[in-house]
Structures are given as C-alpha cells and as structure tokens.
N, C-alpha and C. Protein backbone atom coordinates (compact mmCIF):
# COMPACT_ATOMS: atom_id res chain seq x y z
N MET A 1 103.53 118.54 92.18
CA MET A 1 104.39 117.29 91.72
C MET A 1 104.70 116.20 92.53
N THR A 2 104.25 115.30 92.91
CA THR A 2 104.72 114.28 93.53
C THR A 2 105.68 113.35 92.73
N THR A 3 106.99 113.05 93.51
CA THR A 3 107.69 112.15 92.86
C THR A 3 107.84 110.79 93.64
N TYR A 4 107.35 109.62 93.41
CA TYR A 4 107.26 108.79 94.24
C TYR A 4 108.50 107.64 93.37
N GLY A 5 109.03 107.18 94.28
CA GLY A 5 110.42 106.45 94.49
C GLY A 5 110.15 104.69 94.89
N LEU A 6 110.10 103.98 93.88
CA LEU A 6 109.70 102.55 94.50
C LEU A 6 110.77 101.62 94.53
N LEU A 7 111.46 101.44 95.59
CA LEU A 7 112.37 100.39 95.66
C LEU A 7 112.67 98.78 95.12
N VAL A 8 113.15 98.53 94.27
CA VAL A 8 113.39 96.99 93.77
C VAL A 8 114.74 96.45 93.94
N PHE A 9 114.80 95.03 94.63
CA PHE A 9 115.69 94.51 94.56
C PHE A 9 115.45 92.94 94.35
N ASP A 10 116.43 92.25 94.31
CA ASP A 10 116.09 90.66 93.89
C ASP A 10 115.75 89.86 94.77
N GLY A 11 114.23 89.22 94.34
CA GLY A 11 113.57 88.77 95.52
C GLY A 11 112.49 89.52 96.16
N ALA A 12 112.22 90.72 95.55
CA ALA A 12 111.22 91.78 95.71
C ALA A 12 110.00 91.10 95.57
N GLU A 13 108.90 90.97 96.54
CA GLU A 13 107.70 90.35 96.04
C GLU A 13 107.00 91.50 95.11
N GLU A 14 106.50 90.77 94.07
CA GLU A 14 105.82 91.56 92.63
C GLU A 14 104.73 92.54 92.92
N LEU A 15 103.82 92.28 93.79
CA LEU A 15 102.55 92.69 94.01
C LEU A 15 102.80 93.81 94.96
N ASP A 16 103.72 94.05 96.09
CA ASP A 16 104.15 94.53 96.87
C ASP A 16 104.63 96.20 96.20
N PHE A 17 104.98 95.93 95.09
CA PHE A 17 105.36 97.48 94.25
C PHE A 17 104.61 97.62 93.50
N VAL A 18 104.39 96.57 92.52
CA VAL A 18 103.12 97.31 91.14
C VAL A 18 101.97 97.38 91.67
N GLY A 19 101.11 96.90 92.74
CA GLY A 19 100.33 97.23 93.01
C GLY A 19 100.18 98.85 93.77
N PRO A 20 101.10 99.43 94.25
CA PRO A 20 101.33 100.54 94.20
C PRO A 20 101.44 101.79 93.15
N TRP A 21 102.42 101.00 92.58
CA TRP A 21 102.88 101.46 91.08
C TRP A 21 101.54 101.92 90.42
N GLU A 22 100.57 100.71 89.88
CA GLU A 22 99.25 101.30 89.69
C GLU A 22 98.46 102.16 90.13
N VAL A 23 98.73 102.67 91.65
CA VAL A 23 97.86 103.51 92.50
C VAL A 23 98.56 104.59 92.20
N PHE A 24 99.68 104.91 91.92
CA PHE A 24 100.23 106.25 92.11
C PHE A 24 100.65 106.85 90.28
N THR A 25 100.45 105.70 89.54
CA THR A 25 100.71 105.96 87.94
C THR A 25 99.23 106.35 87.58
N ALA A 26 98.17 105.79 87.83
CA ALA A 26 96.72 106.32 87.73
C ALA A 26 96.60 107.57 88.52
N SER A 27 97.16 107.59 89.71
CA SER A 27 96.79 108.87 90.09
C SER A 27 97.42 110.18 89.25
N SER A 28 98.54 109.83 88.98
CA SER A 28 99.06 111.00 88.01
C SER A 28 98.26 111.13 86.72
N MET A 29 97.99 109.96 86.16
CA MET A 29 96.91 110.21 85.07
C MET A 29 95.98 110.96 85.25
N LEU A 30 95.07 110.82 86.15
CA LEU A 30 94.14 111.68 86.49
C LEU A 30 94.46 112.91 86.74
N ARG A 31 95.52 113.06 87.36
CA ARG A 31 96.22 114.44 87.72
C ARG A 31 96.92 115.11 86.39
N GLU A 32 96.43 114.79 85.17
CA GLU A 32 97.08 115.24 83.74
C GLU A 32 98.64 114.95 83.96
N HIS A 33 98.73 114.11 84.27
CA HIS A 33 100.12 113.51 84.22
C HIS A 33 101.26 114.33 85.24
N ALA A 34 100.86 114.76 86.55
CA ALA A 34 101.14 115.82 86.85
C ALA A 34 102.76 115.29 88.01
N ASP A 35 102.53 113.81 88.34
CA ASP A 35 103.48 113.19 89.19
C ASP A 35 104.08 112.52 88.30
N THR A 36 105.26 111.77 89.15
CA THR A 36 106.18 110.75 88.54
C THR A 36 106.52 109.65 89.36
N ALA A 37 106.57 108.53 88.74
CA ALA A 37 106.96 107.23 89.46
C ALA A 37 107.97 106.53 88.79
N VAL A 38 109.47 106.66 89.67
CA VAL A 38 110.48 105.99 89.44
C VAL A 38 110.70 104.54 89.74
N LEU A 39 111.19 103.28 89.37
CA LEU A 39 111.99 102.44 89.95
C LEU A 39 113.19 102.53 90.45
N VAL A 40 114.04 102.24 91.54
CA VAL A 40 115.47 102.46 91.83
C VAL A 40 116.00 101.25 92.45
N ALA A 41 117.06 101.04 92.21
CA ALA A 41 117.80 99.74 92.26
C ALA A 41 118.98 99.85 92.93
N GLU A 42 119.54 99.29 93.18
CA GLU A 42 121.28 99.43 93.82
C GLU A 42 122.12 99.44 92.71
N ARG A 43 121.74 98.59 91.66
CA ARG A 43 122.44 98.66 90.23
C ARG A 43 121.71 98.80 89.10
N PRO A 44 122.09 98.95 87.78
CA PRO A 44 121.51 98.90 86.67
C PRO A 44 121.17 97.32 86.24
N GLY A 45 120.46 97.52 85.26
CA GLY A 45 120.19 96.33 84.99
C GLY A 45 119.07 95.30 85.15
N PRO A 46 118.59 94.36 85.16
CA PRO A 46 117.61 93.67 85.33
C PRO A 46 117.55 93.07 86.54
N VAL A 47 116.40 93.38 87.45
CA VAL A 47 115.98 92.67 88.64
C VAL A 47 114.72 91.64 88.72
N ARG A 48 115.56 90.38 89.11
CA ARG A 48 114.57 89.18 89.30
C ARG A 48 114.02 89.13 90.42
N CYS A 49 112.26 89.31 90.68
CA CYS A 49 111.59 89.44 91.63
C CYS A 49 111.45 88.19 92.38
N ASN A 50 110.55 88.08 93.09
CA ASN A 50 110.28 86.77 94.35
C ASN A 50 109.70 85.94 93.39
N LYS A 51 108.76 85.73 92.32
CA LYS A 51 108.14 85.06 91.53
C LYS A 51 108.76 84.50 90.47
N GLY A 52 109.70 85.65 90.01
CA GLY A 52 110.32 85.10 88.48
C GLY A 52 110.28 86.55 87.88
N MET A 53 109.26 87.38 88.03
CA MET A 53 109.03 88.69 87.07
C MET A 53 110.61 89.59 87.05
N ARG A 54 110.75 89.80 86.25
CA ARG A 54 112.32 90.78 85.88
C ARG A 54 111.66 92.21 85.27
N VAL A 55 111.80 93.25 86.18
CA VAL A 55 112.11 94.55 86.04
C VAL A 55 113.40 95.47 85.70
N LEU A 56 113.06 96.24 84.92
CA LEU A 56 113.98 97.26 84.95
C LEU A 56 114.25 98.43 85.33
N PRO A 57 115.23 98.53 86.53
CA PRO A 57 114.88 100.00 87.05
C PRO A 57 114.93 101.32 86.34
N ASP A 58 114.37 102.39 86.49
CA ASP A 58 114.81 103.73 86.05
C ASP A 58 115.70 104.01 86.68
N HIS A 59 116.12 104.23 87.84
CA HIS A 59 117.29 104.74 88.46
C HIS A 59 118.38 103.69 89.38
N THR A 60 119.61 104.12 89.82
CA THR A 60 120.14 103.47 90.71
C THR A 60 120.43 104.51 91.77
N PHE A 61 120.77 104.07 93.23
CA PHE A 61 120.68 104.52 94.42
C PHE A 61 121.58 106.20 94.08
N GLY A 62 122.36 106.11 93.15
CA GLY A 62 123.59 107.13 93.03
C GLY A 62 122.62 108.67 92.00
N ASP A 63 121.54 108.13 90.82
CA ASP A 63 121.37 109.00 90.15
C ASP A 63 119.61 109.17 90.05
N HIS A 64 118.97 108.76 90.87
CA HIS A 64 117.52 109.17 91.35
C HIS A 64 117.02 110.43 91.27
N PRO A 65 116.08 111.22 91.04
CA PRO A 65 115.62 112.56 91.53
C PRO A 65 114.95 112.34 92.95
N PRO A 66 115.26 113.54 93.62
CA PRO A 66 114.55 113.64 94.76
C PRO A 66 113.27 113.32 94.71
N LEU A 67 113.27 112.46 96.12
CA LEU A 67 111.82 111.56 96.03
C LEU A 67 111.19 112.22 97.29
N ASP A 68 110.01 112.40 96.93
CA ASP A 68 108.73 112.93 97.93
C ASP A 68 107.84 111.62 98.73
N VAL A 69 108.09 110.17 97.95
CA VAL A 69 107.62 109.00 98.58
C VAL A 69 108.52 108.17 98.26
N LEU A 70 108.65 107.40 99.46
CA LEU A 70 109.42 106.03 99.21
C LEU A 70 108.76 104.65 99.44
N LEU A 71 108.80 103.93 98.58
CA LEU A 71 108.21 102.87 98.81
C LEU A 71 109.24 101.31 99.18
N VAL A 72 109.27 100.81 100.18
CA VAL A 72 109.94 99.81 100.53
C VAL A 72 109.23 98.14 100.10
N PRO A 73 109.31 97.77 99.67
CA PRO A 73 108.16 96.34 99.16
C PRO A 73 109.23 95.30 100.15
N GLY A 74 108.49 94.10 100.23
CA GLY A 74 109.15 93.14 100.71
C GLY A 74 109.29 91.94 100.02
N GLY A 75 109.25 90.72 100.54
CA GLY A 75 109.61 89.66 99.47
C GLY A 75 110.82 88.99 100.15
N ASN A 76 110.96 87.40 99.82
CA ASN A 76 112.01 86.74 100.39
C ASN A 76 113.45 87.24 100.07
N GLY A 77 113.53 88.24 99.36
CA GLY A 77 114.82 89.24 99.11
C GLY A 77 115.10 89.79 100.44
N THR A 78 114.42 90.05 101.34
CA THR A 78 114.58 91.18 102.49
C THR A 78 115.29 90.41 103.48
N ARG A 79 115.26 89.07 103.42
CA ARG A 79 116.14 88.23 104.39
C ARG A 79 117.68 88.46 104.14
N ARG A 80 117.75 88.36 102.69
CA ARG A 80 119.21 88.62 102.43
C ARG A 80 119.56 90.24 102.34
N GLU A 81 118.80 91.05 101.95
CA GLU A 81 119.00 92.55 101.90
C GLU A 81 119.18 93.20 103.01
N VAL A 82 118.40 92.67 104.27
CA VAL A 82 118.64 93.36 105.71
C VAL A 82 120.22 93.33 106.01
N ALA A 83 120.96 92.57 105.27
CA ALA A 83 122.61 92.54 105.80
C ALA A 83 123.18 93.32 104.43
N ASN A 84 122.63 94.36 103.98
CA ASN A 84 123.08 94.64 102.95
C ASN A 84 122.79 96.35 103.14
N THR A 85 124.31 96.92 103.79
CA THR A 85 124.45 98.00 104.32
C THR A 85 124.26 99.05 103.25
N ARG A 86 124.70 99.12 102.21
CA ARG A 86 124.36 99.98 101.08
C ARG A 86 122.88 100.25 100.86
N LEU A 87 121.90 99.21 100.70
CA LEU A 87 120.62 99.18 100.70
C LEU A 87 119.93 99.97 101.80
N THR A 88 120.37 99.62 103.19
CA THR A 88 120.07 99.94 104.36
C THR A 88 120.09 101.27 104.68
N ASP A 89 121.54 101.59 104.34
CA ASP A 89 122.25 103.49 104.15
C ASP A 89 121.15 104.09 103.11
N TRP A 90 120.92 103.39 102.06
CA TRP A 90 120.14 104.43 101.25
C TRP A 90 118.97 104.60 101.53
N ILE A 91 118.23 103.86 102.35
CA ILE A 91 116.85 104.00 102.52
C ILE A 91 116.64 104.94 103.71
N ARG A 92 117.61 104.75 104.80
CA ARG A 92 117.84 105.80 105.71
C ARG A 92 118.00 107.14 105.34
N GLY A 93 118.87 107.24 104.43
CA GLY A 93 119.40 108.73 103.79
C GLY A 93 118.02 109.25 102.93
N THR A 94 117.42 108.28 102.38
CA THR A 94 116.24 108.71 101.20
C THR A 94 114.76 109.31 102.32
N ALA A 95 114.67 108.14 103.37
CA ALA A 95 113.79 108.36 104.37
C ALA A 95 113.75 109.78 105.04
N ASP A 96 114.96 110.20 105.36
CA ASP A 96 115.19 111.22 106.12
C ASP A 96 114.78 112.56 105.12
N ARG A 97 114.93 112.51 103.83
CA ARG A 97 114.66 113.45 102.76
C ARG A 97 113.41 113.81 102.35
N ALA A 98 112.97 112.45 102.18
CA ALA A 98 111.30 112.39 101.88
C ALA A 98 110.23 112.78 102.63
N ALA A 99 109.00 113.34 101.97
CA ALA A 99 108.05 113.31 102.86
C ALA A 99 107.26 112.57 103.55
N TRP A 100 107.21 111.13 102.68
CA TRP A 100 106.62 110.13 103.27
C TRP A 100 107.42 109.16 103.16
N THR A 101 107.67 107.93 103.98
CA THR A 101 108.21 106.61 103.75
C THR A 101 106.84 105.49 104.07
N THR A 102 107.09 104.66 103.25
CA THR A 102 105.87 103.54 103.13
C THR A 102 106.63 102.27 102.93
N GLY A 103 106.16 101.21 103.52
CA GLY A 103 106.68 99.94 103.44
C GLY A 103 105.52 98.98 103.10
N VAL A 104 105.60 97.91 102.27
CA VAL A 104 104.87 97.04 102.15
C VAL A 104 105.38 95.59 102.74
N CYS A 105 104.17 94.88 103.50
CA CYS A 105 104.78 93.40 103.63
C CYS A 105 106.03 93.47 104.32
N THR A 106 107.05 92.40 104.16
CA THR A 106 108.41 92.39 104.99
C THR A 106 109.01 93.37 104.55
N GLY A 107 108.86 94.45 103.93
CA GLY A 107 109.68 95.56 103.79
C GLY A 107 109.75 96.39 105.05
N ALA A 108 109.07 95.96 106.23
CA ALA A 108 109.01 96.76 107.45
C ALA A 108 110.23 96.10 107.82
N LEU A 109 110.81 94.90 107.73
CA LEU A 109 112.33 94.61 107.91
C LEU A 109 113.27 95.28 107.41
N LEU A 110 113.21 95.86 106.57
CA LEU A 110 114.09 96.73 106.00
C LEU A 110 114.09 98.15 106.15
N LEU A 111 112.90 98.39 106.85
CA LEU A 111 112.64 99.83 107.44
C LEU A 111 113.26 99.67 108.86
N HIS A 112 112.94 98.94 109.13
CA HIS A 112 113.32 98.25 110.93
C HIS A 112 115.24 98.63 110.86
N GLU A 113 115.71 97.81 109.98
CA GLU A 113 116.93 97.35 110.18
C GLU A 113 117.61 99.01 109.67
N ALA A 114 116.82 99.60 108.82
CA ALA A 114 117.40 100.98 108.27
C ALA A 114 117.40 102.19 109.20
N GLY A 115 116.31 101.83 110.00
CA GLY A 115 115.64 103.04 111.17
C GLY A 115 114.56 103.53 111.17
N PRO A 116 113.90 103.96 110.13
CA PRO A 116 112.61 104.61 110.35
C PRO A 116 111.31 103.87 110.62
N ALA A 117 111.54 102.24 110.67
CA ALA A 117 110.45 101.93 111.73
C ALA A 117 110.58 102.02 113.30
N ARG A 118 111.70 101.92 113.39
CA ARG A 118 112.14 101.66 115.15
C ARG A 118 111.43 103.24 115.91
N GLY A 119 110.72 102.28 117.01
CA GLY A 119 109.97 103.50 117.57
C GLY A 119 108.52 103.92 117.17
N ARG A 120 108.18 103.19 116.18
CA ARG A 120 107.06 103.18 115.58
C ARG A 120 105.68 102.19 115.77
N ARG A 121 104.80 102.34 115.26
CA ARG A 121 103.78 101.61 115.00
C ARG A 121 103.84 101.09 113.83
N VAL A 122 103.90 99.66 113.34
CA VAL A 122 104.19 98.77 112.05
C VAL A 122 103.14 98.17 111.81
N ALA A 123 102.87 97.73 110.63
CA ALA A 123 101.97 96.70 110.02
C ALA A 123 103.17 95.71 108.97
N THR A 124 102.86 94.32 109.08
CA THR A 124 103.92 93.60 108.08
C THR A 124 102.62 92.53 107.70
N HIS A 125 103.55 91.47 107.25
CA HIS A 125 102.95 90.23 106.53
C HIS A 125 102.51 89.85 108.24
N HIS A 126 101.32 88.78 107.82
CA HIS A 126 100.88 88.04 109.24
C HIS A 126 101.94 86.91 109.84
N GLN A 127 102.70 86.28 108.64
CA GLN A 127 103.67 85.17 108.74
C GLN A 127 104.96 86.09 109.66
N PHE A 128 105.05 87.22 109.54
CA PHE A 128 106.29 87.60 109.99
C PHE A 128 106.11 88.60 111.15
N GLU A 129 104.65 88.55 112.00
CA GLU A 129 104.56 89.68 112.88
C GLU A 129 105.42 89.17 114.05
N ASP A 130 105.70 88.12 114.56
CA ASP A 130 106.48 87.73 115.17
C ASP A 130 107.83 88.38 115.41
N ALA A 131 108.32 87.74 114.18
CA ALA A 131 109.83 88.18 114.35
C ALA A 131 110.21 89.67 114.13
N LEU A 132 109.25 90.39 113.57
CA LEU A 132 109.63 91.66 113.50
C LEU A 132 109.48 91.79 115.04
N ARG A 133 108.88 91.84 115.78
CA ARG A 133 108.02 92.15 117.00
C ARG A 133 109.69 91.66 117.94
N ASP A 134 110.18 90.66 117.33
CA ASP A 134 111.22 90.33 118.31
C ASP A 134 112.42 90.84 118.21
N ARG A 135 112.70 91.63 117.14
CA ARG A 135 113.94 92.11 116.75
C ARG A 135 113.71 93.79 117.63
N GLY A 136 112.60 94.00 118.42
CA GLY A 136 112.55 95.12 119.42
C GLY A 136 112.28 96.56 118.57
N GLU A 137 112.54 97.53 119.62
CA GLU A 137 111.92 99.13 119.17
C GLU A 137 111.07 98.82 118.25
N VAL A 138 109.92 98.77 118.44
CA VAL A 138 108.88 98.39 117.41
C VAL A 138 107.24 98.06 117.90
N THR A 139 106.39 98.60 117.49
CA THR A 139 104.86 98.11 118.01
C THR A 139 104.22 97.56 116.63
N VAL A 140 104.07 96.29 116.73
CA VAL A 140 103.77 95.67 115.62
C VAL A 140 101.88 95.54 115.49
N VAL A 141 101.36 96.12 114.48
CA VAL A 141 99.96 96.20 114.90
C VAL A 141 99.40 94.95 113.74
N ARG A 142 98.34 94.16 114.38
CA ARG A 142 98.09 92.93 113.99
C ARG A 142 96.70 92.87 113.13
N ASP A 143 96.09 93.92 113.37
CA ASP A 143 94.54 93.76 113.10
C ASP A 143 94.32 95.23 112.23
N ALA A 144 95.23 95.43 111.30
CA ALA A 144 94.89 96.71 110.42
C ALA A 144 95.66 96.22 108.60
N ARG A 145 95.09 96.60 107.90
CA ARG A 145 95.74 96.55 106.61
C ARG A 145 97.00 97.22 106.48
N TYR A 146 96.70 98.47 106.84
CA TYR A 146 97.72 99.61 106.84
C TYR A 146 97.62 100.55 108.27
N VAL A 147 99.05 100.73 108.64
CA VAL A 147 99.18 101.58 109.77
C VAL A 147 99.72 102.89 109.56
N VAL A 148 99.23 104.09 109.53
CA VAL A 148 99.97 105.80 109.67
C VAL A 148 100.46 105.87 111.17
N ASP A 149 101.87 106.05 111.13
CA ASP A 149 102.32 106.72 112.42
C ASP A 149 103.60 107.72 111.86
N GLY A 150 102.90 109.04 111.76
CA GLY A 150 103.67 110.06 111.37
C GLY A 150 103.79 110.32 110.04
N ASP A 151 104.91 110.32 109.39
CA ASP A 151 105.35 110.12 108.23
C ASP A 151 105.46 109.01 107.35
N LEU A 152 105.45 108.05 108.60
CA LEU A 152 105.68 106.39 108.22
C LEU A 152 104.36 105.99 107.77
N VAL A 153 104.02 104.96 106.93
CA VAL A 153 102.96 104.15 106.47
C VAL A 153 103.35 103.07 106.03
N THR A 154 103.08 102.00 106.90
CA THR A 154 102.99 100.52 106.42
C THR A 154 102.09 99.47 106.33
N SER A 155 102.14 98.51 105.56
CA SER A 155 101.05 97.81 105.40
C SER A 155 101.26 96.52 105.17
N GLN A 156 100.16 95.64 105.29
CA GLN A 156 100.40 94.34 105.81
C GLN A 156 100.76 93.68 104.22
N GLY A 157 100.61 92.21 104.07
CA GLY A 157 101.56 91.83 102.78
C GLY A 157 100.72 91.81 101.61
N VAL A 158 101.56 92.14 100.63
CA VAL A 158 101.18 91.96 99.05
C VAL A 158 99.89 92.91 98.79
N SER A 159 98.64 92.40 99.05
CA SER A 159 97.40 93.20 98.11
C SER A 159 97.14 94.38 99.07
N ALA A 160 97.82 94.55 100.28
CA ALA A 160 97.27 95.41 101.20
C ALA A 160 98.25 96.74 100.78
N GLY A 161 99.22 96.33 100.04
CA GLY A 161 99.96 98.05 99.90
C GLY A 161 98.93 98.58 98.63
N ILE A 162 98.20 97.96 98.05
CA ILE A 162 97.01 98.79 97.65
C ILE A 162 96.24 99.59 98.41
N ASP A 163 95.72 99.39 99.50
CA ASP A 163 94.72 100.07 100.19
C ASP A 163 95.91 101.24 100.86
N MET A 164 97.07 100.77 101.03
CA MET A 164 97.93 101.78 101.65
C MET A 164 98.26 102.89 100.84
N ALA A 165 98.56 102.61 99.52
CA ALA A 165 98.66 103.38 98.50
C ALA A 165 97.77 104.43 98.21
N LEU A 166 96.37 103.99 97.97
CA LEU A 166 95.20 104.50 98.13
C LEU A 166 94.96 105.68 98.90
N TRP A 167 95.21 105.08 100.05
CA TRP A 167 95.36 106.08 101.49
C TRP A 167 96.25 107.49 101.33
N LEU A 168 97.30 106.89 100.58
CA LEU A 168 98.40 107.77 100.50
C LEU A 168 97.98 108.83 99.72
N VAL A 169 97.43 108.73 98.18
CA VAL A 169 97.15 109.75 97.34
C VAL A 169 96.06 110.24 97.71
N GLY A 170 94.95 109.73 98.67
CA GLY A 170 93.90 110.76 99.39
C GLY A 170 94.42 111.41 100.41
N ARG A 171 95.69 111.21 101.08
CA ARG A 171 96.57 112.29 101.71
C ARG A 171 96.80 113.61 100.77
N LEU A 172 97.60 113.20 100.10
CA LEU A 172 98.36 114.13 99.13
C LEU A 172 97.48 114.68 98.33
N HIS A 173 96.24 114.35 97.88
CA HIS A 173 95.46 114.79 96.57
C HIS A 173 93.92 114.78 96.95
N GLY A 174 93.64 114.39 98.16
CA GLY A 174 92.12 114.56 98.58
C GLY A 174 91.32 113.37 98.27
N ARG A 175 90.60 112.93 99.01
CA ARG A 175 89.72 111.75 98.95
C ARG A 175 88.90 111.75 97.97
N ASP A 176 88.19 112.82 97.30
CA ASP A 176 87.67 112.24 95.93
C ASP A 176 88.43 112.08 94.95
N HIS A 177 89.81 112.27 95.00
CA HIS A 177 90.50 112.14 93.86
C HIS A 177 91.09 110.46 94.37
N ALA A 178 91.16 110.19 95.45
CA ALA A 178 91.50 108.75 95.40
C ALA A 178 90.26 107.63 95.44
N ARG A 179 89.10 108.51 95.17
CA ARG A 179 88.18 107.63 95.04
C ARG A 179 87.91 107.24 93.51
N ALA A 180 88.28 108.39 92.81
CA ALA A 180 88.60 108.47 91.54
C ALA A 180 89.78 107.22 90.90
N VAL A 181 90.77 107.13 91.97
CA VAL A 181 91.52 106.28 91.53
C VAL A 181 91.30 105.12 91.62
N ARG A 182 90.46 104.67 92.46
CA ARG A 182 89.88 103.20 92.81
C ARG A 182 88.95 103.04 92.05
N ARG A 183 87.88 104.09 91.22
CA ARG A 183 87.04 103.26 90.40
C ARG A 183 87.99 102.92 88.98
N TYR A 184 89.15 103.82 88.75
CA TYR A 184 89.32 103.94 87.75
C TYR A 184 90.47 102.37 87.56
N ILE A 185 91.00 102.07 88.67
CA ILE A 185 91.82 100.75 88.79
C ILE A 185 90.83 99.64 89.11
N GLN A 186 89.30 99.73 89.35
CA GLN A 186 88.18 99.07 89.58
C GLN A 186 88.66 98.18 90.89
N TYR A 187 89.21 98.74 91.77
CA TYR A 187 89.60 97.92 92.87
C TYR A 187 88.33 97.98 93.82
N GLU A 188 87.64 96.84 93.61
CA GLU A 188 86.85 96.58 94.34
C GLU A 188 86.38 95.23 95.11
N PRO A 189 87.58 95.14 96.00
CA PRO A 189 87.77 93.68 96.53
C PRO A 189 86.39 93.09 96.48
N ALA A 190 86.36 91.65 96.00
CA ALA A 190 85.32 90.76 96.66
C ALA A 190 85.83 89.69 96.32
N PRO A 191 86.59 88.84 97.36
CA PRO A 191 87.16 87.45 97.28
C PRO A 191 86.34 86.42 97.17
N PRO A 192 86.48 85.50 96.45
CA PRO A 192 85.46 84.52 95.62
C PRO A 192 85.21 83.54 97.08
N TYR A 193 86.11 83.08 97.85
CA TYR A 193 86.16 81.98 99.08
C TYR A 193 86.16 82.56 100.55
N LEU A 194 85.83 84.00 100.71
CA LEU A 194 85.78 84.54 101.66
C LEU A 194 84.89 84.20 102.94
N ALA A 195 83.65 84.12 101.90
CA ALA A 195 82.41 83.78 102.54
C ALA A 195 82.63 82.11 103.30
N ASP A 196 83.20 81.54 103.35
CA ASP A 196 83.40 80.09 103.65
C ASP A 196 84.83 79.98 104.43
N GLU A 197 85.50 81.33 104.97
CA GLU A 197 86.25 81.67 105.77
C GLU A 197 85.87 81.20 107.11
N PRO A 198 86.59 80.40 107.94
CA PRO A 198 86.13 80.56 109.69
C PRO A 198 86.29 81.99 110.12
N GLY A 199 85.34 82.44 110.64
CA GLY A 199 85.20 83.62 111.53
C GLY A 199 85.41 84.90 110.59
N ALA A 200 84.62 84.57 108.96
CA ALA A 200 84.51 85.17 107.97
C ALA A 200 83.45 86.64 108.39
N ALA A 201 82.45 86.45 108.83
CA ALA A 201 81.77 87.33 109.44
C ALA A 201 81.98 88.14 110.59
C-alpha cells in the first residue's frame, strides 16, 4: 500500500495537485484500491486555490497518516508560504520520513526553503527558473519536464506534474501499470497550436 499526501494551501495552483491526484487515485483504482491519497493542509476548513477553486483537506499537519509520498504544489501562494515556518518545518519533517518527495512548478521554492531541494537538481516553472537558481544551493534543470535526483522528483509547471506522477507510479508499481494508468486517464497530449510555435519541430 502506498499513501500519497498532497499539500494544499491558499494560492496553490489547482492542476499542480489535481493532475497528480488523478494519476495517484487512478493508479490505486487499477490496483484494486490498494493505495490512499489524501489532501493535507495547515488548518482544517476550505482552502482557496490560485484560480479560485475551493477544496477541503482530509487532514491537517498534526493528524495525517504516515506518508510514503509527499507532493508539494506551486502557485502564487508559494511566495507567501515560503515565510511560513510552520509549513516549511512540516515539509522538512515529512520529507525526512517519506520514501519520495515530489514538487510541481514553484513548489520547488518551498522545497528549497524547507531543505529537501538544496544541493539537488530540480525543475520548476520556466518563469521562475532564474529566481530559484539565484537562491543558491540548487541546480535548476531547464530542459526536462521532470527531474529525478535520488528520492526527490520535481517537475516544471502545471501540466508537467502529470508526467512526474506517471513516472513515479511506474517506479513504484511498474512501467506496465503506469502505461495502464495513462491509458485510463486518456493522457495523450496533443496541443492544438504546438505546430505553429517557433521551434516546435
């Protein structure tokens, strides 16, 4: 059994955690509901995300089950939460106990502040790469949707978290299983306007 804990906070980018949530819960379903995914927040009550979606966490920092996988999303809220020592202390302690720590988008900022990303190779949103690099003690990888460095997996922005989550369920439960999850969620990216982007070829 794998327990996935996805951090949420005011201003978290919705798809940063909802995309991986879909991957993790679809993976569990295909494994006869062997796994658990939970949303964890600092306090009980609704969390208003970056684009206005409100979600209810399942647990708070003090009452969640042991987590095998920690996921830290990004979003505009990271700029505020980076100064929230209760949150960064929780990330640090939880990452120490988890088998895997993951981040999406500017969740890398929180992972850097908390410690797990320091001295590591990481990915983040393309608009935040220089700012993260300038914080020091980190190598920002600019040309990969997701980056694996030991037990830390980080991804570029928003939709890239789905790629990262699919890689992780493949690492945990096998490539064939990850392919089955991808087929189930019909994740076959085909952006309609990519062909007319400069340098798309």
